């Protein structure tokens, strides 16, 4: 069963990433994560560490609240 909050956060990251024209691979490289981590985050499959979310926000040049607000 998918966790709705994790799914929304993942979709928020996906929306921002696509809006910036980045692939999952490019975001993974910029945030020093592996592509599997980005993929599972965007699908809402696994819980994410707050430090990882900050890395992703920094790599996307957005405030972490932009991701957590899930407004897209």
N, C-alpha and C. Protein backbone atom coordinates (compact mmCIF):
# COMPACT_ATOMS: atom_id res chain seq x y z
N UNK A 1 0.84 -1.19 0.00
CA UNK A 1 0.00 0.00 0.00
C UNK A 1 0.88 1.25 0.00
N UNK A 2 0.57 2.18 -0.88
CA UNK A 2 1.33 3.40 -1.00
C UNK A 2 0.93 4.40 0.08
N UNK A 3 1.92 5.06 0.65
CA UNK A 3 1.67 6.12 1.61
C UNK A 3 1.36 7.40 0.83
N UNK A 4 0.21 7.98 1.05
CA UNK A 4 -0.23 9.14 0.28
C UNK A 4 0.71 10.34 0.41
N UNK A 5 1.20 10.61 1.61
CA UNK A 5 2.10 11.74 1.81
C UNK A 5 3.40 11.53 1.05
N UNK A 6 3.99 10.33 1.14
CA UNK A 6 5.22 10.06 0.41
C UNK A 6 5.00 10.17 -1.09
N UNK A 7 3.86 9.71 -1.55
CA UNK A 7 3.54 9.81 -2.98
C UNK A 7 3.45 11.27 -3.41
N UNK A 8 2.79 12.12 -2.61
CA UNK A 8 2.66 13.53 -2.95
C UNK A 8 4.01 14.24 -2.96
N UNK A 9 4.85 13.93 -1.99
CA UNK A 9 6.19 14.52 -1.96
C UNK A 9 6.98 14.09 -3.20
N UNK A 10 6.89 12.82 -3.52
CA UNK A 10 7.58 12.31 -4.71
C UNK A 10 7.09 12.98 -5.99
N UNK A 11 5.78 13.17 -6.09
CA UNK A 11 5.22 13.83 -7.27
C UNK A 11 5.62 15.30 -7.32
N UNK A 12 5.77 15.90 -6.15
CA UNK A 12 6.22 17.28 -6.08
C UNK A 12 7.66 17.40 -6.61
N UNK A 13 8.53 16.49 -6.19
CA UNK A 13 9.91 16.47 -6.68
C UNK A 13 9.90 16.25 -8.20
N UNK A 14 9.10 15.31 -8.65
CA UNK A 14 9.02 15.00 -10.08
C UNK A 14 8.56 16.23 -10.87
N UNK A 15 7.54 16.92 -10.38
CA UNK A 15 7.02 18.10 -11.06
C UNK A 15 8.10 19.18 -11.19
N UNK A 16 8.78 19.46 -10.09
CA UNK A 16 9.83 20.49 -10.10
C UNK A 16 10.97 20.06 -11.03
N UNK A 17 11.36 18.80 -10.95
CA UNK A 17 12.44 18.28 -11.81
C UNK A 17 12.08 18.44 -13.29
N UNK A 18 10.88 18.03 -13.66
CA UNK A 18 10.46 18.12 -15.06
C UNK A 18 10.32 19.57 -15.51
N UNK A 19 9.83 20.42 -14.62
CA UNK A 19 9.69 21.85 -14.93
C UNK A 19 11.05 22.47 -15.25
N UNK A 20 12.10 21.94 -14.62
CA UNK A 20 13.45 22.44 -14.86
C UNK A 20 14.14 21.71 -16.02
N UNK A 21 13.45 20.74 -16.60
CA UNK A 21 14.00 20.03 -17.74
C UNK A 21 15.10 19.03 -17.39
N UNK A 22 15.07 18.53 -16.16
CA UNK A 22 16.09 17.57 -15.72
C UNK A 22 15.57 16.14 -15.82
N UNK A 23 16.45 15.23 -16.16
CA UNK A 23 16.11 13.81 -16.10
C UNK A 23 16.37 13.32 -14.68
N UNK A 24 15.87 12.13 -14.38
CA UNK A 24 16.16 11.55 -13.06
C UNK A 24 17.66 11.35 -12.90
N UNK A 25 18.32 10.97 -13.96
CA UNK A 25 19.77 10.75 -13.91
C UNK A 25 20.51 12.05 -13.61
N UNK A 26 20.09 13.15 -14.22
CA UNK A 26 20.74 14.44 -13.97
C UNK A 26 20.52 14.89 -12.53
N UNK A 27 19.30 14.71 -12.02
CA UNK A 27 19.03 15.08 -10.63
C UNK A 27 19.84 14.21 -9.68
N UNK A 28 19.93 12.93 -9.98
CA UNK A 28 20.73 12.02 -9.15
C UNK A 28 22.18 12.49 -9.10
N UNK A 29 22.73 12.85 -10.24
CA UNK A 29 24.11 13.32 -10.29
C UNK A 29 24.29 14.61 -9.49
N UNK A 30 23.38 15.58 -9.70
CA UNK A 30 23.48 16.86 -9.01
C UNK A 30 23.36 16.71 -7.50
N UNK A 31 22.54 15.77 -7.06
CA UNK A 31 22.30 15.60 -5.62
C UNK A 31 23.19 14.52 -5.00
N UNK A 32 24.07 13.95 -5.80
CA UNK A 32 25.01 12.92 -5.34
C UNK A 32 24.28 11.70 -4.77
N UNK A 33 23.19 11.33 -5.44
CA UNK A 33 22.42 10.15 -5.08
C UNK A 33 22.42 9.21 -6.28
N UNK A 34 21.95 7.99 -6.08
CA UNK A 34 21.84 7.12 -7.23
C UNK A 34 20.45 7.26 -7.85
N UNK A 35 20.35 6.88 -9.10
CA UNK A 35 19.10 7.06 -9.83
C UNK A 35 17.96 6.26 -9.21
N UNK A 36 18.27 5.13 -8.60
CA UNK A 36 17.24 4.32 -7.94
C UNK A 36 16.60 5.09 -6.78
N UNK A 37 17.40 5.86 -6.06
CA UNK A 37 16.87 6.67 -4.96
C UNK A 37 15.87 7.71 -5.46
N UNK A 38 16.21 8.34 -6.57
CA UNK A 38 15.31 9.35 -7.15
C UNK A 38 14.02 8.68 -7.64
N UNK A 39 14.18 7.56 -8.30
CA UNK A 39 13.02 6.83 -8.84
C UNK A 39 12.06 6.38 -7.74
N UNK A 40 12.61 5.78 -6.68
CA UNK A 40 11.73 5.29 -5.60
C UNK A 40 11.10 6.46 -4.85
N UNK A 41 11.82 7.57 -4.71
CA UNK A 41 11.25 8.76 -4.07
C UNK A 41 10.06 9.27 -4.88
N UNK A 42 10.25 9.43 -6.17
CA UNK A 42 9.19 9.98 -7.00
C UNK A 42 7.96 9.08 -7.06
N UNK A 43 8.14 7.80 -6.90
CA UNK A 43 7.01 6.87 -6.90
C UNK A 43 6.38 6.72 -5.52
N UNK A 44 7.01 7.30 -4.49
CA UNK A 44 6.48 7.21 -3.13
C UNK A 44 6.62 5.84 -2.52
N UNK A 45 7.62 5.08 -2.99
CA UNK A 45 7.79 3.69 -2.56
C UNK A 45 8.43 3.60 -1.18
N UNK A 46 9.49 4.37 -0.96
CA UNK A 46 10.23 4.29 0.30
C UNK A 46 10.18 5.62 1.04
N UNK A 47 10.31 5.53 2.35
CA UNK A 47 10.43 6.73 3.16
C UNK A 47 11.75 7.41 2.81
N UNK A 48 11.82 8.71 2.98
CA UNK A 48 13.02 9.45 2.62
C UNK A 48 13.58 10.15 3.85
N UNK A 49 14.88 10.15 3.96
CA UNK A 49 15.53 10.86 5.07
C UNK A 49 15.46 12.35 4.80
N UNK A 50 15.33 13.12 5.86
CA UNK A 50 15.23 14.57 5.73
C UNK A 50 16.50 15.15 5.10
N UNK A 51 17.66 14.58 5.41
CA UNK A 51 18.92 15.06 4.82
C UNK A 51 18.91 14.84 3.31
N UNK A 52 18.36 13.73 2.88
CA UNK A 52 18.28 13.45 1.45
C UNK A 52 17.34 14.43 0.78
N UNK A 53 16.23 14.74 1.41
CA UNK A 53 15.29 15.69 0.85
C UNK A 53 15.92 17.08 0.74
N UNK A 54 16.73 17.46 1.72
CA UNK A 54 17.44 18.73 1.65
C UNK A 54 18.43 18.74 0.50
N UNK A 55 19.13 17.63 0.27
CA UNK A 55 20.06 17.52 -0.86
C UNK A 55 19.33 17.74 -2.18
N UNK A 56 18.18 17.11 -2.29
CA UNK A 56 17.40 17.22 -3.52
C UNK A 56 16.90 18.65 -3.71
N UNK A 57 16.39 19.25 -2.65
CA UNK A 57 15.91 20.64 -2.73
C UNK A 57 17.05 21.56 -3.15
N UNK A 58 18.21 21.37 -2.57
CA UNK A 58 19.37 22.18 -2.92
C UNK A 58 19.75 21.98 -4.39
N UNK A 59 19.73 20.75 -4.84
CA UNK A 59 20.07 20.44 -6.22
C UNK A 59 19.07 21.04 -7.21
N UNK A 60 17.82 21.17 -6.78
CA UNK A 60 16.78 21.77 -7.62
C UNK A 60 16.71 23.29 -7.43
N UNK A 61 17.53 23.83 -6.52
CA UNK A 61 17.55 25.26 -6.21
C UNK A 61 16.19 25.77 -5.75
N UNK A 62 15.54 24.96 -4.90
CA UNK A 62 14.27 25.36 -4.31
C UNK A 62 14.36 25.19 -2.79
N UNK A 63 13.47 25.86 -2.09
CA UNK A 63 13.37 25.69 -0.65
C UNK A 63 12.68 24.35 -0.38
N UNK A 64 13.08 23.68 0.66
CA UNK A 64 12.47 22.39 0.98
C UNK A 64 10.96 22.51 1.16
N UNK A 65 10.50 23.67 1.61
CA UNK A 65 9.06 23.88 1.77
C UNK A 65 8.32 23.85 0.44
N UNK A 66 9.01 24.21 -0.65
CA UNK A 66 8.39 24.12 -1.97
C UNK A 66 8.05 22.67 -2.30
N UNK A 67 8.89 21.76 -1.85
CA UNK A 67 8.64 20.34 -2.06
C UNK A 67 7.55 19.84 -1.10
N UNK A 68 7.66 20.21 0.16
CA UNK A 68 6.72 19.70 1.17
C UNK A 68 5.31 20.25 1.00
N UNK A 69 5.17 21.43 0.43
CA UNK A 69 3.85 22.00 0.23
C UNK A 69 3.05 21.26 -0.83
N UNK A 70 3.74 20.54 -1.70
CA UNK A 70 3.10 19.70 -2.72
C UNK A 70 2.06 20.46 -3.53
N UNK A 71 2.36 21.71 -3.86
CA UNK A 71 1.44 22.53 -4.65
C UNK A 71 1.92 22.55 -6.09
N UNK A 72 1.28 21.77 -6.90
CA UNK A 72 1.62 21.73 -8.33
C UNK A 72 0.39 21.49 -9.15
